[in-house]
Amino acid sequence: GILAWINDDAERLLDVVHYTLQIPTRMAKMWNELEILLAYGGSMWQATGKGLQRRVDEPTMVAFNAATAVPDRASDHLAQAWAGAYGRNARPASAWHHAIKALEVSLRKLVCPHNPTATLSQIIDELKTGQWRLQVRGQTRDYTIDPLVQMLGLIWPDPNRDGPSTPELPATKEEASAVVQLAVAIVQWGRDGHIVRW
């Protein structure tokens, strides 16, 4: 029945492969063998234990794996953001939403420790107070937090949420990928102690 449903349709075949990789099993999945075939074939899709995802360059994948190696809520949100940006069924709005959630969970403990519900907007406002440094010299060699604030400004506000301003076009796959990669870097900076109060 599945073969009949595929009927020489490449997209349906990819869907079957994607969902087959997600089926729980007691035996070890051999998705890495499929990944070798896909890589040698130059496929844009990469096989993982959680299904197919769009292939990204190795440094980007290494950064994501490092940022999600810590078992916490920020990593969970980053994983969901990654799936939304690079998964078989890309969901840019979900990717953007979870990227923001990852940043909020990660940065609120550091920047707003007395406000356990601080939003990214409130975190940005706190960073603008002038009491923060980014442990990177920057062009002016003054360790200013401004580049981080500007990076967060690329992410906030979420264009996919309803608000008082004029509705925007939904996020694109390209924007979602960029936002998720920024979130991965910023979460890691927070964990590595590059964002400090002085």
Protein backbone atom coordinates (compact mmCIF):
# COMPACT_ATOMS: atom_id res chain seq x y z
CA GLY A 1 0.00 0.00 0.00
CA ILE A 2 2.81 2.41 0.83
CA LEU A 3 4.60 1.68 -2.44
CA ALA A 4 1.38 2.26 -4.34
CA TRP A 5 0.88 5.56 -2.50
CA ILE A 6 4.42 6.70 -3.39
CA ASN A 7 3.82 5.87 -7.07
CA ASP A 8 7.05 7.48 -8.37
CA ASP A 9 6.39 10.67 -6.35
CA ALA A 10 9.73 11.84 -4.90
CA GLU A 11 8.11 14.03 -2.24
CA ARG A 12 5.97 11.16 -0.97
CA LEU A 13 9.04 8.91 -0.88
CA LEU A 14 10.86 11.49 1.24
CA ASP A 15 7.84 11.70 3.55
CA VAL A 16 7.86 7.91 4.01
CA VAL A 17 11.59 7.92 4.77
CA HIS A 18 11.17 10.86 7.16
CA TYR A 19 8.37 9.25 9.15
CA THR A 20 9.99 5.80 9.09
CA LEU A 21 13.05 7.26 10.79
CA GLN A 22 10.78 8.52 13.59
CA ILE A 23 9.05 5.21 14.33
CA PRO A 24 9.98 3.98 17.83
CA THR A 25 11.72 0.64 17.83
CA ARG A 26 13.54 -1.58 20.30
CA MET A 27 16.31 -2.21 17.81
CA ALA A 28 18.96 0.38 17.03
CA LYS A 29 18.06 2.40 13.97
CA MET A 30 20.62 2.30 11.22
CA TRP A 31 19.91 5.83 10.00
CA ASN A 32 23.66 6.52 9.74
CA GLU A 33 23.89 4.06 6.82
CA LEU A 34 21.12 5.96 5.04
CA GLU A 35 22.92 9.21 5.82
CA ILE A 36 26.09 7.92 4.13
CA LEU A 37 24.10 7.16 0.98
CA LEU A 38 22.38 10.55 1.03
CA ALA A 39 25.68 12.37 1.58
CA TYR A 40 27.44 10.51 -1.23
CA GLY A 41 24.47 11.22 -3.47
CA GLY A 42 24.70 14.95 -2.77
CA SER A 43 21.22 15.06 -1.28
CA MET A 44 19.99 18.27 0.32
CA TRP A 45 18.47 16.01 3.00
CA GLN A 46 20.36 14.54 5.93
CA ALA A 47 19.18 11.43 7.79
CA THR A 48 19.03 11.69 11.58
CA GLY A 49 17.50 9.62 14.35
CA LYS A 50 14.60 12.10 14.35
CA GLY A 51 13.87 12.04 10.64
CA LEU A 52 15.11 13.97 7.64
CA GLN A 53 16.42 17.50 7.94
CA ARG A 54 17.91 19.95 5.49
CA ARG A 55 21.66 19.51 5.24
CA VAL A 56 23.76 22.30 6.73
CA ASP A 57 27.51 22.89 6.68
CA GLU A 58 29.59 21.13 9.32
CA PRO A 59 30.55 24.21 11.42
CA THR A 60 26.87 25.16 11.75
CA MET A 61 25.98 21.60 12.79
CA VAL A 62 28.86 21.50 15.30
CA ALA A 63 27.68 24.79 16.85
CA PHE A 64 24.13 23.46 17.16
CA ASN A 65 25.28 20.17 18.71
CA ALA A 66 27.46 22.05 21.22
CA ALA A 67 24.64 24.43 22.17
CA THR A 68 22.16 21.59 22.69
CA ALA A 69 24.56 19.28 24.57
CA VAL A 70 23.39 20.74 27.88
CA PRO A 71 20.13 19.02 28.89
CA ASP A 72 17.93 22.02 29.77
CA ARG A 73 14.91 23.95 28.52
CA ALA A 74 17.02 26.26 26.35
CA SER A 75 18.38 23.21 24.51
CA ASP A 76 14.85 21.82 24.13
CA HIS A 77 13.67 25.06 22.54
CA LEU A 78 16.74 25.20 20.30
CA ALA A 79 16.01 21.66 19.11
CA GLN A 80 12.42 22.62 18.30
CA ALA A 81 13.61 25.79 16.56
CA TRP A 82 16.09 23.73 14.53
CA ALA A 83 13.36 21.29 13.48
CA GLY A 84 11.17 24.21 12.44
CA ALA A 85 13.96 25.73 10.36
CA TYR A 86 15.60 22.62 8.90
CA GLY A 87 13.11 19.79 9.30
CA ARG A 88 11.37 17.95 6.48
CA ASN A 89 8.21 19.94 7.13
CA ALA A 90 9.75 23.36 7.76
CA ARG A 91 7.74 25.65 10.01
CA PRO A 92 9.46 29.05 10.00
CA ALA A 93 7.00 30.57 12.49
CA SER A 94 7.68 27.75 14.96
CA ALA A 95 11.43 28.09 14.41
CA TRP A 96 11.31 31.80 15.19
CA HIS A 97 9.06 31.30 18.23
CA HIS A 98 11.27 28.61 19.77
CA ALA A 99 14.46 30.58 19.02
CA ILE A 100 13.02 33.43 21.10
CA LYS A 101 11.99 31.01 23.84
CA ALA A 102 15.51 29.52 23.93
CA LEU A 103 16.99 33.00 24.33
CA GLU A 104 14.51 33.94 27.04
CA VAL A 105 15.16 30.78 29.05
CA SER A 106 18.92 31.13 28.65
CA LEU A 107 19.37 34.87 29.14
CA ARG A 108 16.76 35.63 31.80
CA LYS A 109 18.74 33.65 34.40
CA LEU A 110 21.80 35.72 33.56
CA VAL A 111 20.39 39.16 32.80
CA CYS A 112 17.14 39.26 34.82
CA PRO A 113 17.69 36.70 37.61
CA HIS A 114 14.94 38.22 39.78
CA ASN A 115 12.34 38.07 37.02
CA PRO A 116 11.66 34.40 36.16
CA THR A 117 9.18 35.41 33.44
CA ALA A 118 11.27 38.08 31.70
CA THR A 119 10.54 38.37 27.99
CA LEU A 120 13.19 38.96 25.35
CA SER A 121 12.02 42.57 25.15
CA GLN A 122 12.69 43.04 28.87
CA ILE A 123 16.07 41.31 28.56
CA ILE A 124 17.03 43.67 25.73
CA ASP A 125 15.95 46.69 27.81
CA GLU A 126 18.09 45.49 30.72
CA LEU A 127 21.11 44.97 28.45
CA LYS A 128 20.74 48.58 27.24
CA THR A 129 21.27 49.96 30.77
CA GLY A 130 25.01 50.18 30.21
CA GLN A 131 25.87 47.77 33.01
CA TRP A 132 26.71 44.93 30.64
CA ARG A 133 29.72 43.93 28.59
CA LEU A 134 30.24 41.45 25.81
CA GLN A 135 33.59 39.73 26.33
CA VAL A 136 34.64 40.55 22.77
CA ARG A 137 36.64 43.74 22.24
CA GLY A 138 34.75 44.94 19.21
CA GLN A 139 35.82 47.61 16.76
CA THR A 140 36.06 50.31 19.41
CA ARG A 141 37.88 47.97 21.83
CA ASP A 142 35.49 48.81 24.67
CA TYR A 143 33.69 45.47 25.04
CA THR A 144 30.36 47.18 24.36
CA ILE A 145 27.17 45.15 24.63
CA ASP A 146 25.68 47.01 21.62
CA PRO A 147 26.46 44.30 19.01
CA LEU A 148 24.58 41.73 21.11
CA VAL A 149 21.64 44.11 21.53
CA GLN A 150 21.60 44.62 17.76
CA MET A 151 21.67 40.86 17.18
CA LEU A 152 18.75 40.40 19.57
CA GLY A 153 16.99 43.22 17.68
CA LEU A 154 17.13 41.07 14.57
CA ILE A 155 15.15 38.41 16.43
CA TRP A 156 12.71 40.53 18.47
CA PRO A 157 9.88 41.13 17.91
CA ASP A 158 8.51 37.96 16.36
CA PRO A 159 6.83 38.93 13.05
CA ASN A 160 4.56 35.88 13.26
CA ARG A 161 2.72 37.02 16.39
CA ASP A 162 -0.26 39.31 16.40
CA GLY A 163 0.43 42.68 17.91
CA PRO A 164 -0.81 46.24 17.93
CA SER A 165 1.25 47.22 14.90
CA THR A 166 0.50 46.52 11.26
CA PRO A 167 0.49 42.77 10.48
CA GLU A 168 3.63 41.55 8.74
CA LEU A 169 4.32 38.91 6.15
CA PRO A 170 5.12 35.54 7.73
CA ALA A 171 8.73 34.53 8.28
CA THR A 172 10.53 32.84 5.42
CA LYS A 173 12.63 29.68 5.65
CA GLU A 174 15.74 31.78 5.07
CA GLU A 175 14.89 34.19 7.89
CA ALA A 176 14.06 31.33 10.23
CA SER A 177 17.42 29.68 9.53
CA ALA A 178 19.27 32.93 10.26
CA VAL A 179 17.32 33.53 13.47
CA VAL A 180 17.94 29.99 14.71
CA GLN A 181 21.67 30.23 13.99
CA LEU A 182 21.84 33.56 15.87
CA ALA A 183 20.00 32.01 18.82
CA VAL A 184 22.41 29.06 18.87
CA ALA A 185 25.40 31.43 19.02
CA ILE A 186 23.89 33.71 21.68
CA VAL A 187 22.79 30.85 23.94
CA GLN A 188 26.32 29.47 23.75
CA TRP A 189 27.81 32.89 24.53
CA GLY A 190 25.67 33.07 27.64
CA ARG A 191 26.77 29.62 28.74
CA ASP A 192 30.42 30.38 28.07
CA GLY A 193 30.38 33.56 30.17
CA HIS A 194 30.78 36.07 27.34
CA ILE A 195 27.90 38.24 28.60
CA VAL A 196 28.86 39.84 31.91
CA ARG A 197 27.65 42.55 34.28
CA TRP A 198 30.28 45.10 35.25
